[in-house]
Amino acid sequence: MEGISKELLVECYHVATVLGNPIRAQVLSDLIAQCTDQWQTIEEFKASPVDGPCHVMYGSCIILLFFRKGEFYVSQGGTRLFLHTFRITHVRPIKTPDTPK
């Protein structure tokens, strides 16, 4: 990906979102996630887990999951679907901004 800036990817992501192209937006989101160096191995994450949303390398895919009480899950239609960690290789917690005081 030499020569492609993260800023350009973010701009393309916003254009794809506005144009209503969810597949392209997801691909760009995955590429943006790869631009950061904040990935942890699953072992590092388990040593100091963080509850909340995170990007996860699940097999060869990057997906958005939630982590709470030692388990990864995705909410679908009000139902929580739990995923086994044996296919998860890396985790990148999504930092949420602190609420204003």
Protein backbone atom coordinates (compact mmCIF):
# COMPACT_ATOMS: atom_id res chain seq x y z
CA MET A 1 0.00 0.00 0.00
CA GLU A 2 2.93 2.28 -0.64
CA GLY A 3 1.86 5.80 -1.53
CA ILE A 4 -1.71 5.69 -0.21
CA SER A 5 -2.29 7.89 2.80
CA LYS A 6 -4.69 7.10 5.59
CA GLU A 7 -6.34 10.48 4.98
CA LEU A 8 -7.13 9.54 1.38
CA LEU A 9 -8.62 6.22 2.50
CA VAL A 10 -10.79 8.02 5.06
CA GLU A 11 -11.99 10.46 2.41
CA CYS A 12 -12.84 7.59 0.03
CA TYR A 13 -14.65 5.82 2.88
CA HIS A 14 -16.85 8.88 3.46
CA VAL A 15 -17.63 9.14 -0.26
CA ALA A 16 -18.58 5.45 -0.42
CA THR A 17 -20.80 5.90 2.65
CA VAL A 18 -22.55 8.95 1.18
CA LEU A 19 -23.07 7.17 -2.14
CA GLY A 20 -24.59 4.20 -0.32
CA ASN A 21 -22.00 1.61 -1.32
CA PRO A 22 -21.72 -0.53 1.85
CA ILE A 23 -19.38 -3.13 0.36
CA ARG A 24 -16.84 -0.53 -0.78
CA ALA A 25 -17.21 1.30 2.55
CA GLN A 26 -16.47 -1.95 4.44
CA VAL A 27 -13.38 -2.66 2.32
CA LEU A 28 -12.11 0.87 2.93
CA SER A 29 -12.86 0.55 6.64
CA ASP A 30 -10.79 -2.63 6.74
CA LEU A 31 -7.91 -0.87 4.96
CA ILE A 32 -8.08 2.06 7.38
CA ALA A 33 -7.93 -0.37 10.28
CA GLN A 34 -4.76 -1.85 8.78
CA CYS A 35 -3.12 1.60 8.73
CA THR A 36 -2.75 1.67 12.49
CA ASP A 37 -0.11 -0.13 14.47
CA GLN A 38 -2.31 -0.65 17.51
CA TRP A 39 -3.06 -4.33 16.81
CA GLN A 40 -2.43 -6.73 19.68
CA THR A 41 -2.05 -10.46 19.43
CA ILE A 42 -4.91 -12.35 21.07
CA GLU A 43 -2.51 -13.36 23.87
CA GLU A 44 -1.59 -9.71 24.54
CA PHE A 45 -5.26 -8.74 24.54
CA LYS A 46 -6.20 -11.55 26.94
CA ALA A 47 -3.45 -10.38 29.32
CA SER A 48 -5.12 -6.95 29.62
CA PRO A 49 -8.58 -7.10 28.02
CA VAL A 50 -10.65 -3.99 27.36
CA ASP A 51 -14.44 -4.16 27.37
CA GLY A 52 -16.11 -2.50 24.41
CA PRO A 53 -16.03 -2.48 20.62
CA CYS A 54 -12.95 -3.70 18.77
CA HIS A 55 -11.73 -4.71 15.36
CA VAL A 56 -10.80 -8.37 15.28
CA MET A 57 -8.82 -10.42 12.77
CA TYR A 58 -11.03 -13.49 12.56
CA GLY A 59 -9.33 -15.91 10.21
CA SER A 60 -8.51 -13.78 7.18
CA CYS A 61 -11.28 -11.20 7.81
CA ILE A 62 -11.41 -8.04 9.87
CA ILE A 63 -14.72 -7.72 11.67
CA LEU A 64 -16.21 -5.45 14.30
CA LEU A 65 -17.03 -7.29 17.52
CA PHE A 66 -17.79 -6.36 21.09
CA PHE A 67 -15.90 -7.72 24.08
CA ARG A 68 -17.48 -8.01 27.50
CA LYS A 69 -16.88 -10.24 30.49
CA GLY A 70 -14.27 -12.32 28.70
CA GLU A 71 -16.26 -13.02 25.53
CA PHE A 72 -16.39 -11.65 21.98
CA TYR A 73 -19.84 -11.22 20.47
CA VAL A 74 -21.82 -9.48 17.76
CA SER A 75 -25.36 -8.23 18.26
CA GLN A 76 -27.78 -9.18 15.54
CA GLY A 77 -31.46 -8.37 15.81
CA GLY A 78 -31.26 -8.03 19.58
CA THR A 79 -29.54 -11.43 19.92
CA ARG A 80 -25.92 -11.78 20.95
CA LEU A 81 -23.92 -14.24 18.88
CA PHE A 82 -20.73 -15.30 20.64
CA LEU A 83 -17.59 -16.18 18.67
CA HIS A 84 -14.88 -18.61 19.68
CA THR A 85 -11.46 -17.08 20.11
CA PHE A 86 -9.55 -19.92 18.44
CA ARG A 87 -9.85 -18.19 15.02
CA ILE A 88 -9.03 -14.72 16.38
CA THR A 89 -5.38 -13.81 15.82
CA HIS A 90 -5.26 -10.05 16.54
CA VAL A 91 -7.43 -7.46 18.31
CA ARG A 92 -7.53 -3.67 18.08
CA PRO A 93 -9.75 -2.03 20.72
CA ILE A 94 -11.68 0.97 19.44
CA LYS A 95 -11.06 3.88 21.74
CA THR A 96 -14.20 5.82 22.52
CA PRO A 97 -13.83 9.45 23.54
CA ASP A 98 -14.26 10.31 27.18
CA THR A 99 -17.51 12.01 28.08
CA PRO A 100 -17.14 15.74 28.80
CA LYS A 101 -17.07 16.69 32.44
